[in-house]
Amino acid sequence: MPKKISSAILCVIAIMVPMFMVSACTQKQHGTAYKVYYANNQGTSLLENVIFIDENDQYVIAQRLLDSMNSESSKECSVIKPVNVNSPTVEFDSIYVNVYFDSSYYDMKPSTEVLYRAAVVKELCQIEGVTYVRFYVDGKDAVYEDGTIIGNMSDEDFVDTQEGAMADVKWKTINLYFANKSGDALVKNSKRICYNKNVSVEKVVMEQLIKGTTESGCYQSIPSNTKLLSISVVDRICYVNLSQEFATDMVNAKSNVTIYSIVNSLSGLEGIDGVKILVKGNSNLMYRDAISLDTVFYMNNELVKKDLSDN
């Protein structure tokens, strides 16, 4: 049975240290500059080097990047991918890059795996037109240790911080509720997030909801121009204060779907029983002339679609 990816030490990806080769500074280079990532000799952080690729073909660029990270460039760095792990193949699909591994991918130690995954995602997201990277193992979505699908990743998913700050980074699996395609029901999307422990998880949840998702079957439930003005929890009630765009901008979701995408996502967190929504500090208003915000909302499972086949 293949090993699954441990999430306990995923925070090690966060340390980023620049490493520029002297030759890159002294010789005239042709083409576009791309960063290639390696591990430091302790295997605890990423180092970066710059190479130049004089190509426009996405597949050629991807192959050059993946090949380059398998060759050491200095005494200060080492190749991340173990030799027993076979190199992947890639497939471009609009703004996505699918990266395909065989079962040897799960043979990596968790600390090595997360560094390698961060490096590959950061490298491929440099290619023009690429926003997300998704890993597959033996044709199936790569998963964490708890079975959660890793899903689409962007370079923003990997925190850049200074050495010694790793204790400030946490990973957590959260349930986000988005609209279905027709906007009349909610779809649950489990996602593993990395965030600074000094930032409340409810703030991270709201930021993720506003950002939206690229997962199949899930659609924007909150206007993307909405700004989170403040959020706090008092006596197990979460107070969410949103900008005017929440009330005025349109999104393809019914009023109750938008409201309960927030409520269900936050009510699933430890320490939160209900949610109070405000717009610019005011709850004495009707959302879309349909739902009064002058109340505390609680989890609504009846809106959640159990089967996505007819989404």
C-alpha atoms as a PDB file:
ATOM      1  CA  MET A   1       0.000   0.000   0.000  1.00  0.00           C
ATOM      2  CA  PRO A   2       1.599   3.331  -1.003  1.00  0.00           C
ATOM      3  CA  LYS A   3       2.528   5.745   1.712  1.00  0.00           C
ATOM      4  CA  LYS A   4       0.586   8.971   1.891  1.00  0.00           C
ATOM      5  CA  ILE A   5       2.154  12.325   2.408  1.00  0.00           C
ATOM      6  CA  SER A   6       2.600  13.404   5.995  1.00  0.00           C
ATOM      7  CA  SER A   7       1.299  16.858   6.847  1.00  0.00           C
ATOM      8  CA  ALA A   8       3.021  17.141  10.197  1.00  0.00           C
ATOM      9  CA  ILE A   9       6.191  18.695   8.859  1.00  0.00           C
ATOM     10  CA  LEU A  10       4.952  20.482   5.788  1.00  0.00           C
ATOM     11  CA  CYS A  11       5.957  23.811   7.232  1.00  0.00           C
ATOM     12  CA  VAL A  12       9.599  23.291   6.270  1.00  0.00           C
ATOM     13  CA  ILE A  13       8.852  24.552   2.784  1.00  0.00           C
ATOM     14  CA  ALA A  14       8.712  28.072   4.008  1.00  0.00           C
ATOM     15  CA  ILE A  15      12.390  28.900   4.229  1.00  0.00           C
ATOM     16  CA  MET A  16      13.664  30.459   1.022  1.00  0.00           C
ATOM     17  CA  VAL A  17      17.291  31.512   0.495  1.00  0.00           C
ATOM     18  CA  PRO A  18      18.526  33.103  -2.742  1.00  0.00           C
ATOM     19  CA  MET A  19      21.647  31.620  -4.339  1.00  0.00           C
ATOM     20  CA  PHE A  20      23.012  33.277  -7.452  1.00  0.00           C
ATOM     21  CA  MET A  21      25.850  31.757  -9.381  1.00  0.00           C
ATOM     22  CA  VAL A  22      28.803  34.023 -10.206  1.00  0.00           C
ATOM     23  CA  SER A  23      28.718  32.964 -13.837  1.00  0.00           C
ATOM     24  CA  ALA A  24      25.174  34.275 -14.188  1.00  0.00           C
ATOM     25  CA  CYS A  25      26.368  37.686 -13.118  1.00  0.00           C
ATOM     26  CA  THR A  26      29.505  37.865 -15.217  1.00  0.00           C
ATOM     27  CA  GLN A  27      28.425  36.316 -18.501  1.00  0.00           C
ATOM     28  CA  LYS A  28      25.972  37.703 -21.010  1.00  0.00           C
ATOM     29  CA  GLN A  29      22.891  35.491 -21.062  1.00  0.00           C
ATOM     30  CA  HIS A  30      20.271  34.937 -23.724  1.00  0.00           C
ATOM     31  CA  GLY A  31      16.630  34.086 -23.199  1.00  0.00           C
ATOM     32  CA  THR A  32      14.257  34.428 -20.256  1.00  0.00           C
ATOM     33  CA  ALA A  33      15.478  34.099 -16.671  1.00  0.00           C
ATOM     34  CA  TYR A  34      13.899  31.285 -14.640  1.00  0.00           C
ATOM     35  CA  LYS A  35      14.502  30.244 -11.063  1.00  0.00           C
ATOM     36  CA  VAL A  36      15.505  26.653 -10.346  1.00  0.00           C
ATOM     37  CA  TYR A  37      15.198  25.318  -6.798  1.00  0.00           C
ATOM     38  CA  TYR A  38      17.413  23.030  -4.745  1.00  0.00           C
ATOM     39  CA  ALA A  39      17.672  22.013  -1.093  1.00  0.00           C
ATOM     40  CA  ASN A  40      20.278  23.351   1.278  1.00  0.00           C
ATOM     41  CA  ASN A  41      22.743  20.740   2.490  1.00  0.00           C
ATOM     42  CA  GLN A  42      20.685  20.176   5.647  1.00  0.00           C
ATOM     43  CA  GLY A  43      17.565  19.454   3.592  1.00  0.00           C
ATOM     44  CA  THR A  44      15.551  21.983   5.573  1.00  0.00           C
ATOM     45  CA  SER A  45      15.049  24.844   3.116  1.00  0.00           C
ATOM     46  CA  LEU A  46      15.055  25.802  -0.541  1.00  0.00           C
ATOM     47  CA  LEU A  47      17.842  27.555  -2.406  1.00  0.00           C
ATOM     48  CA  GLU A  48      17.334  29.190  -5.762  1.00  0.00           C
ATOM     49  CA  ASN A  49      19.532  29.619  -8.812  1.00  0.00           C
ATOM     50  CA  VAL A  50      18.817  31.411 -12.085  1.00  0.00           C
ATOM     51  CA  ILE A  51      19.058  29.837 -15.523  1.00  0.00           C
ATOM     52  CA  PHE A  52      18.230  31.320 -18.908  1.00  0.00           C
ATOM     53  CA  ILE A  53      16.010  29.517 -21.408  1.00  0.00           C
ATOM     54  CA  ASP A  54      15.755  30.763 -24.968  1.00  0.00           C
ATOM     55  CA  GLU A  55      12.500  28.930 -25.791  1.00  0.00           C
ATOM     56  CA  ASN A  56       8.789  29.726 -26.003  1.00  0.00           C
ATOM     57  CA  ASP A  57       7.385  26.203 -26.004  1.00  0.00           C
ATOM     58  CA  GLN A  58       5.841  25.443 -22.597  1.00  0.00           C
ATOM     59  CA  TYR A  59       6.783  21.765 -22.685  1.00  0.00           C
ATOM     60  CA  VAL A  60      10.407  22.510 -23.532  1.00  0.00           C
ATOM     61  CA  ILE A  61      10.646  25.085 -20.742  1.00  0.00           C
ATOM     62  CA  ALA A  62       9.077  22.717 -18.216  1.00  0.00           C
ATOM     63  CA  GLN A  63      11.459  19.921 -19.146  1.00  0.00           C
ATOM     64  CA  ARG A  64      14.483  22.218 -18.895  1.00  0.00           C
ATOM     65  CA  LEU A  65      13.403  23.381 -15.438  1.00  0.00           C
ATOM     66  CA  LEU A  66      12.740  19.865 -14.140  1.00  0.00           C
ATOM     67  CA  ASP A  67      16.004  18.584 -15.614  1.00  0.00           C
ATOM     68  CA  SER A  68      17.997  21.489 -14.169  1.00  0.00           C
ATOM     69  CA  MET A  69      16.805  20.855 -10.629  1.00  0.00           C
ATOM     70  CA  ASN A  70      18.232  17.331 -10.898  1.00  0.00           C
ATOM     71  CA  SER A  71      21.768  18.657 -11.358  1.00  0.00           C
ATOM     72  CA  GLU A  72      23.669  20.236  -8.479  1.00  0.00           C
ATOM     73  CA  SER A  73      24.849  23.763  -9.229  1.00  0.00           C
ATOM     74  CA  SER A  74      27.095  24.482  -6.226  1.00  0.00           C
ATOM     75  CA  LYS A  75      28.555  23.020  -3.043  1.00  0.00           C
ATOM     76  CA  GLU A  76      25.917  24.848  -0.979  1.00  0.00           C
ATOM     77  CA  CYS A  77      22.966  23.013  -2.489  1.00  0.00           C
ATOM     78  CA  SER A  78      21.785  19.496  -3.241  1.00  0.00           C
ATOM     79  CA  VAL A  79      19.256  17.869  -5.550  1.00  0.00           C
ATOM     80  CA  ILE A  80      15.921  17.404  -3.781  1.00  0.00           C
ATOM     81  CA  LYS A  81      14.444  14.429  -5.645  1.00  0.00           C
ATOM     82  CA  PRO A  82      15.927  11.073  -4.574  1.00  0.00           C
ATOM     83  CA  VAL A  83      17.342   8.960  -7.393  1.00  0.00           C
ATOM     84  CA  ASN A  84      14.824   6.188  -6.688  1.00  0.00           C
ATOM     85  CA  VAL A  85      11.918   8.530  -7.498  1.00  0.00           C
ATOM     86  CA  ASN A  86      11.194   8.564 -11.194  1.00  0.00           C
ATOM     87  CA  SER A  87      10.972  11.884 -13.019  1.00  0.00           C
ATOM     88  CA  PRO A  88       7.454  13.086 -13.868  1.00  0.00           C
ATOM     89  CA  THR A  89       5.767  13.950 -17.122  1.00  0.00           C
ATOM     90  CA  VAL A  90       3.746  17.128 -17.573  1.00  0.00           C
ATOM     91  CA  GLU A  91       0.581  18.100 -19.391  1.00  0.00           C
ATOM     92  CA  PHE A  92      -0.557  21.672 -19.996  1.00  0.00           C
ATOM     93  CA  ASP A  93      -4.251  22.499 -19.896  1.00  0.00           C
ATOM     94  CA  SER A  94      -4.971  26.219 -20.171  1.00  0.00           C
ATOM     95  CA  ILE A  95      -3.799  27.804 -16.882  1.00  0.00           C
ATOM     96  CA  TYR A  96      -3.113  24.386 -15.338  1.00  0.00           C
ATOM     97  CA  VAL A  97      -0.119  22.072 -15.424  1.00  0.00           C
ATOM     98  CA  ASN A  98      -0.758  18.458 -14.489  1.00  0.00           C
ATOM     99  CA  VAL A  99       2.347  16.654 -13.222  1.00  0.00           C
ATOM    100  CA  TYR A 100       2.246  12.861 -13.389  1.00  0.00           C
ATOM    101  CA  PHE A 101       4.347  10.591 -11.148  1.00  0.00           C
ATOM    102  CA  ASP A 102       4.405   6.859 -10.650  1.00  0.00           C
ATOM    103  CA  SER A 103       4.104   5.213  -7.217  1.00  0.00           C
ATOM    104  CA  SER A 104       7.765   5.910  -6.420  1.00  0.00           C
ATOM    105  CA  TYR A 105       6.666   9.453  -5.536  1.00  0.00           C
ATOM    106  CA  TYR A 106       5.340   8.179  -2.212  1.00  0.00           C
ATOM    107  CA  ASP A 107       8.765   6.714  -1.373  1.00  0.00           C
ATOM    108  CA  MET A 108      10.069  10.171  -0.498  1.00  0.00           C
ATOM    109  CA  LYS A 109      10.437  11.131   3.145  1.00  0.00           C
ATOM    110  CA  PRO A 110       7.772  13.683   4.121  1.00  0.00           C
ATOM    111  CA  SER A 111      10.349  16.438   4.624  1.00  0.00           C
ATOM    112  CA  THR A 112      11.826  15.758   1.186  1.00  0.00           C
ATOM    113  CA  GLU A 113       8.439  15.483  -0.492  1.00  0.00           C
ATOM    114  CA  VAL A 114       7.210  18.884   0.614  1.00  0.00           C
ATOM    115  CA  LEU A 115      10.433  20.605  -0.441  1.00  0.00           C
ATOM    116  CA  TYR A 116      10.313  18.893  -3.820  1.00  0.00           C
ATOM    117  CA  ARG A 117       6.631  19.718  -4.331  1.00  0.00           C
ATOM    118  CA  ALA A 118       7.206  23.364  -3.408  1.00  0.00           C
ATOM    119  CA  ALA A 119      10.155  23.548  -5.807  1.00  0.00           C
ATOM    120  CA  VAL A 120       8.254  22.015  -8.737  1.00  0.00           C
ATOM    121  CA  VAL A 121       5.214  24.237  -8.228  1.00  0.00           C
ATOM    122  CA  LYS A 122       7.302  27.390  -7.931  1.00  0.00           C
ATOM    123  CA  GLU A 123       9.283  26.505 -11.049  1.00  0.00           C
ATOM    124  CA  LEU A 124       6.324  25.640 -13.255  1.00  0.00           C
ATOM    125  CA  CYS A 125       4.284  28.668 -12.165  1.00  0.00           C
ATOM    126  CA  GLN A 126       6.980  30.851 -13.704  1.00  0.00           C
ATOM    127  CA  ILE A 127       5.980  29.665 -17.181  1.00  0.00           C
ATOM    128  CA  GLU A 128       3.817  32.186 -18.993  1.00  0.00           C
ATOM    129  CA  GLY A 129       0.130  31.312 -18.822  1.00  0.00           C
ATOM    130  CA  VAL A 130       0.480  28.928 -15.867  1.00  0.00           C
ATOM    131  CA  THR A 131      -1.387  29.663 -12.636  1.00  0.00           C
ATOM    132  CA  TYR A 132      -1.930  26.258 -11.018  1.00  0.00           C
ATOM    133  CA  VAL A 133      -0.069  22.961 -10.729  1.00  0.00           C
ATOM    134  CA  ARG A 134      -1.656  19.642  -9.781  1.00  0.00           C
ATOM    135  CA  PHE A 135       0.134  16.408  -8.846  1.00  0.00           C
ATOM    136  CA  TYR A 136      -1.027  12.924  -9.796  1.00  0.00           C
ATOM    137  CA  VAL A 137       0.380   9.586  -8.656  1.00  0.00           C
ATOM    138  CA  ASP A 138      -0.438   6.520 -10.756  1.00  0.00           C
ATOM    139  CA  GLY A 139      -3.171   8.509 -12.477  1.00  0.00           C
ATOM    140  CA  LYS A 140      -4.899   9.557  -9.253  1.00  0.00           C
ATOM    141  CA  ASP A 141      -4.749  12.833  -7.336  1.00  0.00           C
ATOM    142  CA  ALA A 142      -1.796  12.961  -4.943  1.00  0.00           C
ATOM    143  CA  VAL A 143      -2.980  12.962  -1.332  1.00  0.00           C
ATOM    144  CA  TYR A 144      -1.829  13.940   2.132  1.00  0.00           C
ATOM    145  CA  GLU A 145      -1.400  11.434   4.938  1.00  0.00           C
ATOM    146  CA  ASP A 146      -5.018  11.831   6.028  1.00  0.00           C
ATOM    147  CA  GLY A 147      -6.266  11.077   2.504  1.00  0.00           C
ATOM    148  CA  THR A 148      -7.085  14.701   1.666  1.00  0.00           C
ATOM    149  CA  ILE A 149      -6.456  15.467  -1.996  1.00  0.00           C
ATOM    150  CA  ILE A 150      -3.666  18.003  -2.429  1.00  0.00           C
ATOM    151  CA  GLY A 151      -5.461  19.556  -5.407  1.00  0.00           C
ATOM    152  CA  ASN A 152      -4.474  22.651  -7.359  1.00  0.00           C
ATOM    153  CA  MET A 153      -1.424  24.501  -6.071  1.00  0.00           C
ATOM    154  CA  SER A 154       0.017  27.910  -6.902  1.00  0.00           C
ATOM    155  CA  ASP A 155       3.309  29.461  -5.871  1.00  0.00           C
ATOM    156  CA  GLU A 156       1.347  31.564  -3.366  1.00  0.00           C
ATOM    157  CA  ASP A 157       0.427  28.401  -1.462  1.00  0.00           C
ATOM    158  CA  PHE A 158       3.985  28.068  -0.214  1.00  0.00           C
ATOM    159  CA  VAL A 159       4.940  30.573   2.440  1.00  0.00           C
ATOM    160  CA  ASP A 160       8.235  32.432   2.100  1.00  0.00           C
ATOM    161  CA  THR A 161       9.668  33.378   5.465  1.00  0.00           C
ATOM    162  CA  GLN A 162      12.964  33.771   7.312  1.00  0.00           C
ATOM    163  CA  GLU A 163      14.861  30.960   8.933  1.00  0.00           C
ATOM    164  CA  GLY A 164      13.817  30.456  12.525  1.00  0.00           C
ATOM    165  CA  ALA A 165      10.230  31.542  11.886  1.00  0.00           C
ATOM    166  CA  MET A 166       8.943  28.051  11.170  1.00  0.00           C
ATOM    167  CA  ALA A 167       7.274  27.785  14.557  1.00  0.00           C
ATOM    168  CA  ASP A 168       4.902  30.524  13.415  1.00  0.00           C
ATOM    169  CA  VAL A 169       3.499  28.461  10.542  1.00  0.00           C
ATOM    170  CA  LYS A 170       0.617  26.004  10.860  1.00  0.00           C
ATOM    171  CA  TRP A 171      -1.201  23.625   8.536  1.00  0.00           C
ATOM    172  CA  LYS A 172      -4.882  22.828   8.921  1.00  0.00           C
ATOM    173  CA  THR A 173      -7.570  21.048   6.919  1.00  0.00           C
ATOM    174  CA  ILE A 174     -10.677  23.206   6.581  1.00  0.00           C
ATOM    175  CA  ASN A 175     -14.059  22.728   4.909  1.00  0.00           C
ATOM    176  CA  LEU A 176     -15.030  25.539   2.576  1.00  0.00           C
ATOM    177  CA  TYR A 177     -18.517  25.791   1.109  1.00  0.00           C
ATOM    178  CA  PHE A 178     -18.867  27.172  -2.404  1.00  0.00           C
ATOM    179  CA  ALA A 179     -21.801  27.450  -4.805  1.00  0.00           C
ATOM    180  CA  ASN A 180     -22.641  24.694  -7.267  1.00  0.00           C
ATOM    181  CA  LYS A 181     -22.822  25.477 -10.977  1.00  0.00           C
ATOM    182  CA  SER A 182     -26.456  26.579 -10.900  1.00  0.00           C
ATOM    183  CA  GLY A 183     -25.913  28.641  -7.748  1.00  0.00           C
ATOM    184  CA  ASP A 184     -28.794  27.053  -5.841  1.00  0.00           C
ATOM    185  CA  ALA A 185     -26.847  24.769  -3.491  1.00  0.00           C
ATOM    186  CA  LEU A 186     -23.585  24.501  -1.578  1.00  0.00           C
ATOM    187  CA  VAL A 187     -20.648  22.224  -2.368  1.00  0.00           C
ATOM    188  CA  LYS A 188     -18.184  21.261   0.369  1.00  0.00           C
ATOM    189  CA  ASN A 189     -14.513  21.548  -0.559  1.00  0.00           C
ATOM    190  CA  SER A 190     -11.929  20.215   1.913  1.00  0.00           C
ATOM    191  CA  LYS A 191      -8.648  22.057   1.616  1.00  0.00           C
ATOM    192  CA  ARG A 192      -5.354  21.986   3.460  1.00  0.00           C
ATOM    193  CA  ILE A 193      -4.076  25.478   4.184  1.00  0.00           C
ATOM    194  CA  CYS A 194      -0.799  26.883   5.463  1.00  0.00           C
ATOM    195  CA  TYR A 195      -1.070  30.020   7.565  1.00  0.00           C
ATOM    196  CA  ASN A 196       0.716  32.040  10.206  1.00  0.00           C
ATOM    197  CA  LYS A 197      -0.406  30.954  13.651  1.00  0.00           C
ATOM    198  CA  ASN A 198      -0.634  34.611  14.669  1.00  0.00           C
ATOM    199  CA  VAL A 199      -3.488  35.010  12.152  1.00  0.00           C
ATOM    200  CA  SER A 200      -6.877  33.622  13.176  1.00  0.00           C
ATOM    201  CA  VAL A 201      -8.061  30.615  11.197  1.00  0.00           C
ATOM    202  CA  GLU A 202     -11.474  32.263  10.697  1.00  0.00           C
ATOM    203  CA  LYS A 203      -9.733  35.143   8.893  1.00  0.00           C
ATOM    204  CA  VAL A 204      -7.932  32.642   6.666  1.00  0.00           C
ATOM    205  CA  VAL A 205     -11.225  30.872   5.912  1.00  0.00           C
ATOM    206  CA  MET A 206     -12.890  34.114   4.820  1.00  0.00           C
ATOM    207  CA  GLU A 207      -9.927  35.070   2.659  1.00  0.00           C
ATOM    208  CA  GLN A 208     -10.085  31.666   0.979  1.00  0.00           C
ATOM    209  CA  LEU A 209     -13.827  32.008   0.339  1.00  0.00           C
ATOM    210  CA  ILE A 210     -13.398  35.435  -1.210  1.00  0.00           C
ATOM    211  CA  LYS A 211     -10.466  34.212  -3.291  1.00  0.00           C
ATOM    212  CA  GLY A 212     -12.581  31.344  -4.640  1.00  0.00           C
ATOM    213  CA  THR A 213     -11.476  27.948  -5.892  1.00  0.00           C
ATOM    214  CA  THR A 214     -10.578  26.163  -9.096  1.00  0.00           C
ATOM    215  CA  GLU A 215     -11.805  22.775  -7.900  1.00  0.00           C
ATOM    216  CA  SER A 216     -14.218  21.020 -10.228  1.00  0.00           C
ATOM    217  CA  GLY A 217     -17.878  21.515  -9.311  1.00  0.00           C
ATOM    218  CA  CYS A 218     -17.173  24.500  -7.031  1.00  0.00           C
ATOM    219  CA  TYR A 219     -18.033  28.067  -8.023  1.00  0.00           C
ATOM    220  CA  GLN A 220     -17.607  31.530  -6.548  1.00  0.00           C
ATOM    221  CA  SER A 221     -20.165  32.188  -3.825  1.00  0.00           C
ATOM    222  CA  ILE A 222     -18.986  35.623  -2.677  1.00  0.00           C
ATOM    223  CA  PRO A 223     -18.224  38.597  -4.950  1.00  0.00           C
ATOM    224  CA  SER A 224     -14.461  38.532  -5.533  1.00  0.00           C
ATOM    225  CA  ASN A 225     -14.163  42.296  -4.930  1.00  0.00           C
ATOM    226  CA  THR A 226     -15.426  41.866  -1.372  1.00  0.00           C
ATOM    227  CA  LYS A 227     -12.988  42.951   1.319  1.00  0.00           C
ATOM    228  CA  LEU A 228     -12.842  41.528   4.809  1.00  0.00           C
ATOM    229  CA  LEU A 229     -12.883  44.599   7.070  1.00  0.00           C
ATOM    230  CA  SER A 230     -12.710  42.736  10.375  1.00  0.00           C
ATOM    231  CA  ILE A 231     -13.507  39.397  11.962  1.00  0.00           C
ATOM    232  CA  SER A 232     -13.734  38.340  15.604  1.00  0.00           C
ATOM    233  CA  VAL A 233     -15.243  35.654  17.821  1.00  0.00           C
ATOM    234  CA  VAL A 234     -17.176  36.582  20.971  1.00  0.00           C
ATOM    235  CA  ASP A 235     -19.045  34.006  23.058  1.00  0.00           C
ATOM    236  CA  ARG A 236     -18.741  31.445  20.227  1.00  0.00           C
ATOM    237  CA  ILE A 237     -20.346  33.824  17.697  1.00  0.00           C
ATOM    238  CA  CYS A 238     -18.162  34.906  14.774  1.00  0.00           C
ATOM    239  CA  TYR A 239     -18.691  38.523  13.690  1.00  0.00           C
ATOM    240  CA  VAL A 240     -17.793  39.041  10.021  1.00  0.00           C
ATOM    241  CA  ASN A 241     -17.610  42.637   8.815  1.00  0.00           C
ATOM    242  CA  LEU A 242     -17.494  42.915   5.004  1.00  0.00           C
ATOM    243  CA  SER A 243     -17.139  45.789   2.557  1.00  0.00           C
ATOM    244  CA  GLN A 244     -19.998  47.272   0.552  1.00  0.00           C
ATOM    245  CA  GLU A 245     -19.097  45.118  -2.465  1.00  0.00           C
ATOM    246  CA  PHE A 246     -20.515  42.110  -0.649  1.00  0.00           C
ATOM    247  CA  ALA A 247     -23.980  43.686  -0.795  1.00  0.00           C
ATOM    248  CA  THR A 248     -23.789  45.418  -4.174  1.00  0.00           C
ATOM    249  CA  ASP A 249     -21.677  43.242  -6.475  1.00  0.00           C
ATOM    250  CA  MET A 250     -23.331  40.263  -8.135  1.00  0.00           C
ATOM    251  CA  VAL A 251     -22.309  36.623  -8.134  1.00  0.00           C
ATOM    252  CA  ASN A 252     -23.997  33.586  -9.690  1.00  0.00           C
ATOM    253  CA  ALA A 253     -25.441  32.261  -6.442  1.00  0.00           C
ATOM    254  CA  LYS A 254     -28.759  32.646  -4.694  1.00  0.00           C
ATOM    255  CA  SER A 255     -28.870  34.865  -1.639  1.00  0.00           C
ATOM    256  CA  ASN A 256     -29.123  32.016   0.839  1.00  0.00           C
ATOM    257  CA  VAL A 257     -26.248  30.172  -0.858  1.00  0.00           C
ATOM    258  CA  THR A 258     -23.966  33.194  -0.470  1.00  0.00           C
ATOM    259  CA  ILE A 259     -24.937  33.699   3.163  1.00  0.00           C
ATOM    260  CA  TYR A 260     -24.542  30.058   4.144  1.00  0.00           C
ATOM    261  CA  SER A 261     -21.301  29.605   2.253  1.00  0.00           C
ATOM    262  CA  ILE A 262     -19.904  31.940   4.919  1.00  0.00           C
ATOM    263  CA  VAL A 263     -21.910  30.499   7.792  1.00  0.00           C
ATOM    264  CA  ASN A 264     -21.174  26.835   7.089  1.00  0.00           C
ATOM    265  CA  SER A 265     -17.480  27.447   6.431  1.00  0.00           C
ATOM    266  CA  LEU A 266     -17.021  29.296   9.722  1.00  0.00           C
ATOM    267  CA  SER A 267     -19.390  27.207  11.845  1.00  0.00           C
ATOM    268  CA  GLY A 268     -17.280  24.154  11.100  1.00  0.00           C
ATOM    269  CA  LEU A 269     -14.366  25.656  13.012  1.00  0.00           C
ATOM    270  CA  GLU A 270     -13.653  24.843  16.626  1.00  0.00           C
ATOM    271  CA  GLY A 271     -15.070  27.458  18.988  1.00  0.00           C
ATOM    272  CA  ILE A 272     -17.680  28.862  16.574  1.00  0.00           C
ATOM    273  CA  ASP A 273     -21.375  28.014  16.854  1.00  0.00           C
ATOM    274  CA  GLY A 274     -22.944  30.834  14.860  1.00  0.00           C
ATOM    275  CA  VAL A 275     -22.129  33.713  12.519  1.00  0.00           C
ATOM    276  CA  LYS A 276     -23.197  37.348  12.452  1.00  0.00           C
ATOM    277  CA  ILE A 277     -22.654  39.150   9.137  1.00  0.00           C
ATOM    278  CA  LEU A 278     -22.229  42.913   8.880  1.00  0.00           C
ATOM    279  CA  VAL A 279     -21.675  45.248   5.938  1.00  0.00           C
ATOM    280  CA  LYS A 280     -19.458  48.204   6.837  1.00  0.00           C
ATOM    281  CA  GLY A 281     -20.331  47.581  10.474  1.00  0.00           C
ATOM    282  CA  ASN A 282     -24.086  47.510   9.894  1.00  0.00           C
ATOM    283  CA  SER A 283     -26.305  44.450  10.255  1.00  0.00           C
ATOM    284  CA  ASN A 284     -29.602  46.331  10.120  1.00  0.00           C
ATOM    285  CA  LEU A 285     -30.180  45.692   6.418  1.00  0.00           C
ATOM    286  CA  MET A 286     -31.654  43.204   3.969  1.00  0.00           C
ATOM    287  CA  TYR A 287     -29.182  41.273   1.862  1.00  0.00           C
ATOM    288  CA  ARG A 288     -30.332  41.520  -1.767  1.00  0.00           C
ATOM    289  CA  ASP A 289     -33.737  42.536  -0.387  1.00  0.00           C
ATOM    290  CA  ALA A 290     -34.230  38.907   0.587  1.00  0.00           C
ATOM    291  CA  ILE A 291     -32.441  38.022   3.841  1.00  0.00           C
ATOM    292  CA  SER A 292     -32.199  40.124   6.979  1.00  0.00           C
ATOM    293  CA  LEU A 293     -28.683  40.282   8.379  1.00  0.00           C
ATOM    294  CA  ASP A 294     -30.019  41.339  11.768  1.00  0.00           C
ATOM    295  CA  THR A 295     -29.707  37.821  13.171  1.00  0.00           C
ATOM    296  CA  VAL A 296     -27.220  35.111  14.037  1.00  0.00           C
ATOM    297  CA  PHE A 297     -26.956  32.370  11.407  1.00  0.00           C
ATOM    298  CA  TYR A 298     -26.239  28.725  12.158  1.00  0.00           C
ATOM    299  CA  MET A 299     -25.027  25.766  10.107  1.00  0.00           C
ATOM    300  CA  ASN A 300     -27.437  24.764   7.317  1.00  0.00           C
ATOM    301  CA  ASN A 301     -26.734  21.280   5.981  1.00  0.00           C
ATOM    302  CA  GLU A 302     -29.899  21.174   3.891  1.00  0.00           C
ATOM    303  CA  LEU A 303     -28.290  23.458   1.305  1.00  0.00           C
ATOM    304  CA  VAL A 304     -25.291  21.166   0.875  1.00  0.00           C
ATOM    305  CA  LYS A 305     -25.381  19.049  -2.267  1.00  0.00           C
ATOM    306  CA  LYS A 306     -24.345  15.504  -1.479  1.00  0.00           C
ATOM    307  CA  ASP A 307     -23.981  14.307  -5.069  1.00  0.00           C
ATOM    308  CA  LEU A 308     -22.010  16.362  -7.580  1.00  0.00           C
ATOM    309  CA  SER A 309     -23.049  14.265 -10.563  1.00  0.00           C
ATOM    310  CA  ASP A 310     -25.902  16.644 -11.354  1.00  0.00           C
ATOM    311  CA  ASN A 311     -24.051  19.761 -10.262  1.00  0.00           C
END
